[in-house]
């Protein structure tokens, strides 16, 4: 596959952030498996763009790369939640209570 084709694939593929978010919203094990496969494919494309990268290196480092992506996503979501909570407090609401109630409703619906 040419570098142009790989770049084109990455541009049209969902971002890792979008893939992780979809996986978090999809309780279906098959949906989560698809999201993980997409993440691995995108990580492989990014990793293999390095001139000295090998498939063996990617397979060895994949667990660490995935951990890093998941941690980055968690921190990004925490910042978003913090900002939403601050906005809710300014408006006299409580986002944490709202999210907790929403989560309980989702559990009951399952």
N, C-alpha and C. Protein backbone atom coordinates (compact mmCIF):
# COMPACT_ATOMS: atom_id res chain seq x y z
N UNK A 1 0.85 -1.17 0.00
CA UNK A 1 0.00 0.00 0.00
C UNK A 1 0.89 1.23 0.00
N UNK A 2 0.61 2.19 -0.83
CA UNK A 2 1.44 3.39 -0.93
C UNK A 2 1.17 4.33 0.25
N UNK A 3 2.13 5.23 0.46
CA UNK A 3 1.97 6.20 1.54
C UNK A 3 0.75 7.08 1.29
N UNK A 4 0.50 7.43 0.03
CA UNK A 4 -0.66 8.25 -0.32
C UNK A 4 -1.94 7.53 0.06
N UNK A 5 -2.01 6.26 -0.30
CA UNK A 5 -3.20 5.46 0.02
C UNK A 5 -3.38 5.38 1.53
N UNK A 6 -2.28 5.12 2.28
CA UNK A 6 -2.38 5.05 3.73
C UNK A 6 -2.86 6.37 4.31
N UNK A 7 -2.31 7.46 3.82
CA UNK A 7 -2.74 8.78 4.31
C UNK A 7 -4.22 8.98 4.01
N UNK A 8 -4.64 8.59 2.81
CA UNK A 8 -6.05 8.70 2.46
C UNK A 8 -6.92 7.89 3.40
N UNK A 9 -6.47 6.68 3.75
CA UNK A 9 -7.23 5.84 4.67
C UNK A 9 -7.39 6.52 6.02
N UNK A 10 -6.31 7.11 6.50
CA UNK A 10 -6.35 7.74 7.81
C UNK A 10 -7.28 8.94 7.79
N UNK A 11 -7.25 9.72 6.73
CA UNK A 11 -8.12 10.90 6.64
C UNK A 11 -9.59 10.52 6.66
N UNK A 12 -9.94 9.41 6.06
CA UNK A 12 -11.34 9.01 5.96
C UNK A 12 -11.78 8.10 7.10
N UNK A 13 -10.83 7.64 7.88
CA UNK A 13 -11.16 6.75 9.00
C UNK A 13 -11.57 7.61 10.20
N UNK A 14 -12.37 7.03 11.10
CA UNK A 14 -12.71 7.78 12.31
C UNK A 14 -11.46 8.01 13.15
N UNK A 15 -11.42 9.11 13.90
CA UNK A 15 -10.28 9.35 14.76
C UNK A 15 -10.29 8.34 15.90
N UNK A 16 -9.16 8.17 16.55
CA UNK A 16 -9.10 7.27 17.69
C UNK A 16 -10.07 7.72 18.77
N UNK A 17 -10.14 9.02 18.97
CA UNK A 17 -11.06 9.56 19.99
C UNK A 17 -12.50 9.16 19.66
N UNK A 18 -12.90 9.31 18.39
CA UNK A 18 -14.26 8.94 17.98
C UNK A 18 -14.48 7.44 18.14
N UNK A 19 -13.48 6.65 17.79
CA UNK A 19 -13.60 5.20 17.90
C UNK A 19 -13.78 4.77 19.35
N UNK A 20 -12.98 5.35 20.24
CA UNK A 20 -13.08 5.00 21.66
C UNK A 20 -14.42 5.43 22.21
N UNK A 21 -14.87 6.64 21.83
CA UNK A 21 -16.16 7.13 22.32
C UNK A 21 -17.29 6.20 21.87
N UNK A 22 -17.24 5.77 20.59
CA UNK A 22 -18.26 4.85 20.09
C UNK A 22 -18.23 3.53 20.87
N UNK A 23 -17.04 3.05 21.16
CA UNK A 23 -16.91 1.79 21.90
C UNK A 23 -17.50 1.94 23.30
N UNK A 24 -17.27 3.08 23.92
CA UNK A 24 -17.80 3.31 25.27
C UNK A 24 -19.31 3.35 25.27
N UNK A 25 -19.90 3.81 24.18
CA UNK A 25 -21.36 3.90 24.10
C UNK A 25 -22.00 2.61 23.63
N UNK A 26 -21.20 1.70 23.12
CA UNK A 26 -21.71 0.46 22.55
C UNK A 26 -21.45 -0.69 23.52
N UNK A 27 -22.49 -1.11 24.25
CA UNK A 27 -22.33 -2.20 25.21
C UNK A 27 -22.23 -3.55 24.51
N UNK A 28 -22.53 -3.59 23.23
CA UNK A 28 -22.47 -4.82 22.44
C UNK A 28 -21.02 -5.26 22.29
N UNK A 29 -20.67 -6.48 22.72
CA UNK A 29 -19.28 -6.95 22.60
C UNK A 29 -18.76 -6.92 21.16
N UNK A 30 -19.62 -7.18 20.18
CA UNK A 30 -19.17 -7.14 18.79
C UNK A 30 -18.81 -5.72 18.37
N UNK A 31 -19.57 -4.74 18.85
CA UNK A 31 -19.27 -3.34 18.56
C UNK A 31 -17.95 -2.91 19.17
N UNK A 32 -17.70 -3.36 20.39
CA UNK A 32 -16.43 -3.04 21.05
C UNK A 32 -15.27 -3.71 20.31
N UNK A 33 -15.47 -4.92 19.86
CA UNK A 33 -14.42 -5.63 19.12
C UNK A 33 -14.10 -4.89 17.81
N UNK A 34 -15.13 -4.41 17.13
CA UNK A 34 -14.91 -3.64 15.89
C UNK A 34 -14.15 -2.36 16.19
N UNK A 35 -14.51 -1.69 17.28
CA UNK A 35 -13.85 -0.44 17.65
C UNK A 35 -12.38 -0.69 17.97
N UNK A 36 -12.11 -1.78 18.68
CA UNK A 36 -10.71 -2.11 19.01
C UNK A 36 -9.92 -2.44 17.75
N UNK A 37 -10.55 -3.16 16.82
CA UNK A 37 -9.86 -3.50 15.57
C UNK A 37 -9.55 -2.24 14.78
N UNK A 38 -10.47 -1.28 14.77
CA UNK A 38 -10.24 -0.02 14.07
C UNK A 38 -9.10 0.74 14.74
N UNK A 39 -9.11 0.79 16.08
CA UNK A 39 -8.03 1.48 16.79
C UNK A 39 -6.68 0.84 16.46
N UNK A 40 -6.63 -0.49 16.45
CA UNK A 40 -5.36 -1.16 16.18
C UNK A 40 -4.90 -0.84 14.76
N UNK A 41 -5.82 -0.84 13.81
CA UNK A 41 -5.46 -0.54 12.43
C UNK A 41 -4.89 0.87 12.30
N UNK A 42 -5.55 1.84 12.95
CA UNK A 42 -5.09 3.23 12.89
C UNK A 42 -3.75 3.40 13.60
N UNK A 43 -3.60 2.74 14.75
CA UNK A 43 -2.32 2.81 15.45
C UNK A 43 -1.20 2.20 14.60
N UNK A 44 -1.51 1.09 13.93
CA UNK A 44 -0.50 0.45 13.06
C UNK A 44 -0.09 1.40 11.93
N UNK A 45 -1.07 2.05 11.28
CA UNK A 45 -0.75 3.00 10.21
C UNK A 45 0.15 4.12 10.72
N UNK A 46 -0.19 4.68 11.86
CA UNK A 46 0.61 5.77 12.42
C UNK A 46 2.01 5.28 12.79
N UNK A 47 2.08 4.13 13.43
CA UNK A 47 3.36 3.58 13.89
C UNK A 47 4.26 3.24 12.70
N UNK A 48 3.70 2.60 11.70
CA UNK A 48 4.49 2.14 10.57
C UNK A 48 4.93 3.29 9.67
N UNK A 49 4.43 4.50 9.90
CA UNK A 49 4.90 5.64 9.12
C UNK A 49 6.32 6.04 9.50
N UNK A 50 6.80 5.51 10.64
CA UNK A 50 8.19 5.76 11.04
C UNK A 50 9.15 4.96 10.16
N UNK A 51 10.22 5.59 9.72
CA UNK A 51 11.15 4.96 8.79
C UNK A 51 11.76 3.66 9.33
N UNK A 52 11.99 3.58 10.62
CA UNK A 52 12.66 2.40 11.18
C UNK A 52 11.67 1.40 11.79
N UNK A 53 10.38 1.68 11.69
CA UNK A 53 9.37 0.83 12.31
C UNK A 53 9.27 -0.53 11.63
N UNK A 54 9.07 -1.55 12.44
CA UNK A 54 8.84 -2.89 11.90
C UNK A 54 7.54 -3.42 12.49
N UNK A 55 6.98 -4.41 11.83
CA UNK A 55 5.75 -5.05 12.33
C UNK A 55 6.01 -5.67 13.71
N UNK A 56 7.19 -6.27 13.88
CA UNK A 56 7.53 -6.87 15.19
C UNK A 56 7.55 -5.80 16.29
N UNK A 57 8.11 -4.64 15.97
CA UNK A 57 8.12 -3.54 16.95
C UNK A 57 6.69 -3.12 17.30
N UNK A 58 5.85 -3.01 16.27
CA UNK A 58 4.47 -2.61 16.52
C UNK A 58 3.77 -3.61 17.44
N UNK A 59 3.88 -4.89 17.15
CA UNK A 59 3.21 -5.91 17.96
C UNK A 59 3.73 -5.89 19.40
N UNK A 60 5.02 -5.64 19.56
CA UNK A 60 5.61 -5.59 20.89
C UNK A 60 5.10 -4.37 21.67
N UNK A 61 4.95 -3.25 20.99
CA UNK A 61 4.58 -2.00 21.66
C UNK A 61 3.08 -1.72 21.65
N UNK A 62 2.31 -2.50 20.91
CA UNK A 62 0.88 -2.23 20.79
C UNK A 62 0.17 -2.10 22.15
N UNK A 63 0.40 -3.00 23.12
CA UNK A 63 -0.31 -2.82 24.40
C UNK A 63 -0.02 -1.46 25.04
N UNK A 64 1.21 -1.02 24.96
CA UNK A 64 1.58 0.27 25.54
C UNK A 64 0.94 1.42 24.76
N UNK A 65 0.93 1.32 23.44
CA UNK A 65 0.30 2.36 22.62
C UNK A 65 -1.19 2.46 22.93
N UNK A 66 -1.84 1.31 23.05
CA UNK A 66 -3.27 1.30 23.37
C UNK A 66 -3.52 1.91 24.74
N UNK A 67 -2.69 1.55 25.71
CA UNK A 67 -2.81 2.14 27.05
C UNK A 67 -2.71 3.66 26.97
N UNK A 68 -1.72 4.15 26.21
CA UNK A 68 -1.52 5.60 26.08
C UNK A 68 -2.75 6.27 25.46
N UNK A 69 -3.30 5.66 24.41
CA UNK A 69 -4.48 6.23 23.75
C UNK A 69 -5.66 6.26 24.71
N UNK A 70 -5.87 5.19 25.44
CA UNK A 70 -6.99 5.13 26.38
C UNK A 70 -6.83 6.15 27.51
N UNK A 71 -5.59 6.31 27.99
CA UNK A 71 -5.34 7.31 29.03
C UNK A 71 -5.56 8.72 28.49
N UNK A 72 -5.10 8.99 27.28
CA UNK A 72 -5.32 10.31 26.67
C UNK A 72 -6.81 10.59 26.53
N UNK A 73 -7.54 9.58 26.09
CA UNK A 73 -8.99 9.75 25.93
C UNK A 73 -9.64 10.06 27.28
N UNK A 74 -9.24 9.32 28.31
CA UNK A 74 -9.81 9.52 29.64
C UNK A 74 -9.56 10.94 30.11
N UNK A 75 -8.35 11.42 29.92
CA UNK A 75 -8.03 12.78 30.36
C UNK A 75 -8.83 13.82 29.56
N UNK A 76 -8.97 13.58 28.24
CA UNK A 76 -9.74 14.50 27.39
C UNK A 76 -11.20 14.55 27.86
N UNK A 77 -11.78 13.40 28.16
CA UNK A 77 -13.17 13.36 28.62
C UNK A 77 -13.29 14.03 29.99
N UNK A 78 -12.31 13.80 30.86
CA UNK A 78 -12.36 14.44 32.19
C UNK A 78 -12.33 15.96 32.06
N UNK A 79 -11.53 16.49 31.15
CA UNK A 79 -11.49 17.94 30.93
C UNK A 79 -12.85 18.42 30.42
N UNK A 80 -13.43 17.67 29.48
CA UNK A 80 -14.75 18.05 28.96
C UNK A 80 -15.78 18.04 30.08
N UNK A 81 -15.75 16.99 30.91
CA UNK A 81 -16.71 16.91 32.01
C UNK A 81 -16.50 18.03 33.02
N UNK A 82 -15.24 18.33 33.31
CA UNK A 82 -14.96 19.43 34.24
C UNK A 82 -15.52 20.74 33.69
N UNK A 83 -15.30 20.98 32.41
CA UNK A 83 -15.79 22.22 31.79
C UNK A 83 -17.32 22.25 31.80
N UNK A 84 -17.96 21.12 31.53
CA UNK A 84 -19.42 21.06 31.56
C UNK A 84 -19.94 21.26 32.98
N UNK A 85 -19.23 20.68 33.96
CA UNK A 85 -19.64 20.85 35.36
C UNK A 85 -19.54 22.31 35.77
N UNK A 86 -18.46 22.96 35.37
CA UNK A 86 -18.30 24.38 35.69
C UNK A 86 -19.42 25.21 35.08
N UNK A 87 -19.76 24.91 33.83
CA UNK A 87 -20.85 25.63 33.17
C UNK A 87 -22.17 25.36 33.88
N UNK A 88 -22.40 24.12 34.28
CA UNK A 88 -23.65 23.77 34.98
C UNK A 88 -23.73 24.48 36.31
N UNK A 89 -22.61 24.57 37.02
CA UNK A 89 -22.60 25.27 38.31
C UNK A 89 -22.93 26.75 38.12
N UNK A 90 -22.34 27.35 37.06
CA UNK A 90 -22.63 28.77 36.78
C UNK A 90 -24.12 28.97 36.49
N UNK A 91 -24.74 27.94 35.90
CA UNK A 91 -26.16 28.05 35.57
C UNK A 91 -27.06 27.53 36.69
N UNK A 92 -26.45 27.15 37.82
CA UNK A 92 -27.22 26.70 38.97
C UNK A 92 -27.57 25.22 38.95
N UNK A 93 -26.98 24.44 38.06
CA UNK A 93 -27.25 23.02 37.98
C UNK A 93 -26.13 22.20 38.59
N UNK A 94 -26.27 20.91 38.52
CA UNK A 94 -25.26 19.99 39.02
C UNK A 94 -25.09 18.86 38.01
N UNK A 95 -24.07 18.96 37.18
CA UNK A 95 -23.85 17.98 36.12
C UNK A 95 -23.61 16.59 36.68
N UNK A 96 -22.85 16.49 37.77
CA UNK A 96 -22.53 15.18 38.32
C UNK A 96 -23.80 14.44 38.73
N UNK A 97 -24.75 15.12 39.37
CA UNK A 97 -26.02 14.49 39.74
C UNK A 97 -26.78 14.07 38.50
N UNK A 98 -26.76 14.92 37.48
CA UNK A 98 -27.45 14.61 36.22
C UNK A 98 -26.84 13.37 35.57
N UNK A 99 -25.50 13.30 35.48
CA UNK A 99 -24.83 12.15 34.87
C UNK A 99 -25.07 10.87 35.66
N UNK A 100 -25.06 10.98 36.98
CA UNK A 100 -25.29 9.81 37.83
C UNK A 100 -26.71 9.29 37.63
N UNK A 101 -27.69 10.18 37.59
CA UNK A 101 -29.08 9.78 37.38
C UNK A 101 -29.24 9.16 36.00
N UNK A 102 -28.58 9.76 34.99
CA UNK A 102 -28.65 9.23 33.63
C UNK A 102 -28.05 7.83 33.56
N UNK A 103 -26.93 7.63 34.23
CA UNK A 103 -26.28 6.32 34.26
C UNK A 103 -27.16 5.26 34.92
N UNK A 104 -27.82 5.63 36.02
CA UNK A 104 -28.72 4.71 36.70
C UNK A 104 -29.89 4.34 35.82
N UNK A 105 -30.44 5.31 35.06
CA UNK A 105 -31.54 5.03 34.12
C UNK A 105 -31.08 4.05 33.05
N UNK A 106 -29.86 4.26 32.52
CA UNK A 106 -29.32 3.38 31.49
C UNK A 106 -29.17 1.95 32.01
N UNK A 107 -28.69 1.81 33.26
CA UNK A 107 -28.53 0.48 33.87
C UNK A 107 -29.89 -0.21 34.03
N UNK A 108 -30.89 0.55 34.42
CA UNK A 108 -32.22 -0.02 34.60
C UNK A 108 -32.82 -0.46 33.27
N UNK A 109 -32.53 0.28 32.20
CA UNK A 109 -33.04 -0.04 30.86
C UNK A 109 -32.38 -1.29 30.28
N UNK A 110 -31.17 -1.63 30.77
CA UNK A 110 -30.44 -2.77 30.22
C UNK A 110 -31.02 -4.10 30.64
